[in-house]
C-alpha atoms as a PDB file:
ATOM      1  CA  MET A   1     -17.048  -2.662   4.585  1.00  0.00           C
ATOM      2  CA  SER A   2     -14.954  -6.117   3.228  1.00  0.00           C
ATOM      3  CA  ASP A   3     -11.648  -5.850   2.740  1.00  0.00           C
ATOM      4  CA  VAL A   4     -12.253  -5.608  -0.624  1.00  0.00           C
ATOM      5  CA  HIS A   5     -14.204  -2.921  -0.338  1.00  0.00           C
ATOM      6  CA  LEU A   6     -12.096  -1.322   1.334  1.00  0.00           C
ATOM      7  CA  THR A   7      -8.719  -1.826  -0.403  1.00  0.00           C
ATOM      8  CA  SER A   8     -10.748  -0.792  -3.537  1.00  0.00           C
ATOM      9  CA  LEU A   9     -11.121   2.684  -1.786  1.00  0.00           C
ATOM     10  CA  VAL A  10      -7.621   3.040  -0.972  1.00  0.00           C
ATOM     11  CA  ASP A  11      -6.729   2.343  -4.341  1.00  0.00           C
ATOM     12  CA  TYR A  12      -8.975   4.622  -6.098  1.00  0.00           C
ATOM     13  CA  CYS A  13      -6.789   6.605  -8.223  1.00  0.00           C
ATOM     14  CA  ASN A  14      -4.082   5.675  -6.624  1.00  0.00           C
ATOM     15  CA  VAL A  15      -2.171   6.148 -10.055  1.00  0.00           C
ATOM     16  CA  THR A  16      -1.856  10.105  -9.207  1.00  0.00           C
ATOM     17  CA  LEU A  17       0.183   9.251  -5.952  1.00  0.00           C
ATOM     18  CA  PRO A  18       3.394   9.219  -7.115  1.00  0.00           C
ATOM     19  CA  ALA A  19       3.905  12.714  -6.878  1.00  0.00           C
ATOM     20  CA  LEU A  20       2.369  13.248  -3.600  1.00  0.00           C
ATOM     21  CA  PRO A  21       4.578  14.382  -0.872  1.00  0.00           C
ATOM     22  CA  LYS A  22       5.930  11.013   1.346  1.00  0.00           C
ATOM     23  CA  SER A  23       3.350  12.407   4.427  1.00  0.00           C
ATOM     24  CA  ILE A  24       0.197  11.994   2.488  1.00  0.00           C
ATOM     25  CA  ILE A  25       1.341   8.139   1.185  1.00  0.00           C
ATOM     26  CA  ASP A  26       2.044   7.481   4.982  1.00  0.00           C
ATOM     27  CA  LYS A  27      -1.018   8.940   5.738  1.00  0.00           C
ATOM     28  CA  LEU A  28      -2.785   5.738   3.336  1.00  0.00           C
ATOM     29  CA  GLN A  29      -0.637   3.241   4.855  1.00  0.00           C
ATOM     30  CA  ARG A  30      -1.679   4.452   7.976  1.00  0.00           C
ATOM     31  CA  VAL A  31      -5.569   3.465   6.821  1.00  0.00           C
ATOM     32  CA  LEU A  32      -4.416   0.439   6.136  1.00  0.00           C
ATOM     33  CA  ASN A  33      -2.642  -0.758   8.307  1.00  0.00           C
ATOM     34  CA  VAL A  34      -5.721   0.227  10.922  1.00  0.00           C
ATOM     35  CA  ALA A  35      -7.247  -1.460   8.267  1.00  0.00           C
ATOM     36  CA  ALA A  36      -5.718  -4.872   8.375  1.00  0.00           C
ATOM     37  CA  CYS A  37      -5.843  -4.840  11.807  1.00  0.00           C
ATOM     38  CA  ILE A  38      -9.696  -4.447  12.645  1.00  0.00           C
ATOM     39  CA  ILE A  39      -9.438  -7.471   9.577  1.00  0.00           C
ATOM     40  CA  THR A  40      -7.529  -9.359  11.326  1.00  0.00           C
ATOM     41  CA  GLY A  41      -8.070  -8.363  15.699  1.00  0.00           C
ATOM     42  CA  THR A  42      -4.581  -7.421  16.017  1.00  0.00           C
ATOM     43  CA  GLY A  43      -3.350  -4.721  18.068  1.00  0.00           C
ATOM     44  CA  LYS A  44      -1.582  -1.296  16.324  1.00  0.00           C
ATOM     45  CA  TYR A  45       1.461  -2.232  17.427  1.00  0.00           C
ATOM     46  CA  ASP A  46       1.552  -5.872  16.775  1.00  0.00           C
ATOM     47  CA  HIS A  47       4.635  -7.003  15.946  1.00  0.00           C
ATOM     48  CA  SER A  48       3.212  -9.082  13.165  1.00  0.00           C
ATOM     49  CA  LEU A  49       1.195  -6.239  11.448  1.00  0.00           C
ATOM     50  CA  SER A  50       3.219  -6.214   8.699  1.00  0.00           C
ATOM     51  CA  HIS A  51       3.559 -10.467   8.426  1.00  0.00           C
ATOM     52  CA  LEU A  52       0.005 -10.732   8.059  1.00  0.00           C
ATOM     53  CA  LEU A  53      -0.699  -7.467   6.123  1.00  0.00           C
ATOM     54  CA  HIS A  54       1.520  -9.294   3.703  1.00  0.00           C
ATOM     55  CA  THR A  55       1.183 -13.526   3.788  1.00  0.00           C
ATOM     56  CA  GLU A  56      -2.722 -13.113   5.740  1.00  0.00           C
ATOM     57  CA  LEU A  57      -4.249 -10.409   3.513  1.00  0.00           C
ATOM     58  CA  HIS A  58      -1.843 -10.449   0.775  1.00  0.00           C
ATOM     59  CA  TRP A  59      -1.800  -6.703   0.634  1.00  0.00           C
ATOM     60  CA  LEU A  60       1.075  -4.729  -0.529  1.00  0.00           C
ATOM     61  CA  ASP A  61       2.238  -1.490   1.073  1.00  0.00           C
ATOM     62  CA  VAL A  62       0.849   2.251  -0.196  1.00  0.00           C
ATOM     63  CA  PRO A  63       3.864   2.392  -2.458  1.00  0.00           C
ATOM     64  CA  GLN A  64       4.301  -0.678  -3.996  1.00  0.00           C
ATOM     65  CA  ARG A  65       0.162  -0.793  -4.449  1.00  0.00           C
ATOM     66  CA  VAL A  66       0.599   2.535  -6.987  1.00  0.00           C
ATOM     67  CA  GLN A  67       3.984   1.213  -8.385  1.00  0.00           C
ATOM     68  CA  TYR A  68       1.821  -2.221  -9.302  1.00  0.00           C
ATOM     69  CA  LYS A  69      -1.381   0.179 -10.563  1.00  0.00           C
ATOM     70  CA  LEU A  70       0.852   2.165 -12.483  1.00  0.00           C
ATOM     71  CA  PHE A  71       3.351  -0.952 -14.162  1.00  0.00           C
ATOM     72  CA  THR A  72      -0.406  -1.740 -14.748  1.00  0.00           C
ATOM     73  CA  ILE A  73      -1.986   0.725 -16.413  1.00  0.00           C
ATOM     74  CA  VAL A  74       1.434   0.743 -19.033  1.00  0.00           C
ATOM     75  CA  HIS A  75       1.403  -3.247 -19.852  1.00  0.00           C
ATOM     76  CA  TRP A  76      -2.460  -2.848 -20.458  1.00  0.00           C
ATOM     77  CA  CYS A  77      -1.610   0.902 -23.127  1.00  0.00           C
ATOM     78  CA  LEU A  78       1.042  -1.149 -24.638  1.00  0.00           C
ATOM     79  CA  GLN A  79      -1.036  -4.340 -25.391  1.00  0.00           C
ATOM     80  CA  ASN A  80      -3.895  -1.570 -26.719  1.00  0.00           C
ATOM     81  CA  LYS A  81      -6.333  -2.918 -24.178  1.00  0.00           C
ATOM     82  CA  ALA A  82      -6.501   0.720 -22.223  1.00  0.00           C
ATOM     83  CA  PRO A  83      -9.093   3.695 -23.163  1.00  0.00           C
ATOM     84  CA  ARG A  84      -7.882   5.399 -26.245  1.00  0.00           C
ATOM     85  CA  TYR A  85      -6.592   8.276 -24.516  1.00  0.00           C
ATOM     86  CA  LEU A  86      -3.913   6.563 -22.468  1.00  0.00           C
ATOM     87  CA  VAL A  87      -2.764   4.333 -24.983  1.00  0.00           C
ATOM     88  CA  ASP A  88      -1.665   7.548 -27.031  1.00  0.00           C
ATOM     89  CA  CYS A  89       0.329   8.609 -24.148  1.00  0.00           C
ATOM     90  CA  CYS A  90       2.838   6.071 -23.810  1.00  0.00           C
ATOM     91  CA  THR A  91       5.015   5.229 -26.991  1.00  0.00           C
ATOM     92  CA  PRO A  92       8.062   3.319 -27.554  1.00  0.00           C
ATOM     93  CA  VAL A  93      10.991   5.207 -27.667  1.00  0.00           C
ATOM     94  CA  SER A  94      11.350   3.346 -31.301  1.00  0.00           C
ATOM     95  CA  ASP A  95       7.895   4.163 -32.671  1.00  0.00           C
ATOM     96  CA  ILE A  96       8.922   8.027 -32.867  1.00  0.00           C
ATOM     97  CA  ALA A  97      11.078   8.582 -36.123  1.00  0.00           C
ATOM     98  CA  SER A  98      12.659  11.787 -35.215  1.00  0.00           C
ATOM     99  CA  GLN A  99      13.919   9.330 -32.105  1.00  0.00           C
ATOM    100  CA  GLN A 100      14.890   6.218 -33.664  1.00  0.00           C
ATOM    101  CA  HIS A 101      18.755   7.258 -33.602  1.00  0.00           C
ATOM    102  CA  LEU A 102      18.978   7.844 -30.081  1.00  0.00           C
ATOM    103  CA  GLN A 103      20.075   5.102 -27.811  1.00  0.00           C
ATOM    104  CA  LEU A 104      17.012   4.634 -25.344  1.00  0.00           C
ATOM    105  CA  ALA A 105      15.012   3.097 -28.466  1.00  0.00           C
ATOM    106  CA  GLY A 106      16.420   0.004 -28.751  1.00  0.00           C
ATOM    107  CA  HIS A 107      16.664   0.010 -24.553  1.00  0.00           C
ATOM    108  CA  HIS A 108      12.569  -0.663 -24.604  1.00  0.00           C
ATOM    109  CA  GLN A 109      11.745   2.893 -23.247  1.00  0.00           C
ATOM    110  CA  LEU A 110       8.590   4.554 -23.540  1.00  0.00           C
ATOM    111  CA  SER A 111       8.091   8.091 -24.555  1.00  0.00           C
ATOM    112  CA  VAL A 112       5.465   9.274 -22.024  1.00  0.00           C
ATOM    113  CA  ALA A 113       3.731  13.041 -22.966  1.00  0.00           C
ATOM    114  CA  ARG A 114       2.892  15.420 -20.140  1.00  0.00           C
ATOM    115  CA  HIS A 115      -0.427  16.411 -19.647  1.00  0.00           C
END
């Protein structure tokens, strides 16, 4: 299995992870660490594993991967490049007539629909 395929599997639906408990995210991080060990041939307790993970494989840790994915999706929504059902969920506060008077309207805040 290639490292691209493995990271794709780890990233699959990770946009849903911010609400999960840290214990679940830690398990995914361990999976990613083991994969990095296998790919790089390092040991589980090798002190350079974190360095290899970030500088040679160019992988983010799981919490940063989730945050990056969320930021990317919001950017796509604001550029109208995401599917319509997602674009409709992210509306700038300044575009909502009933909230234009709020201080947040001038701070590039989003009103995100809860589903």
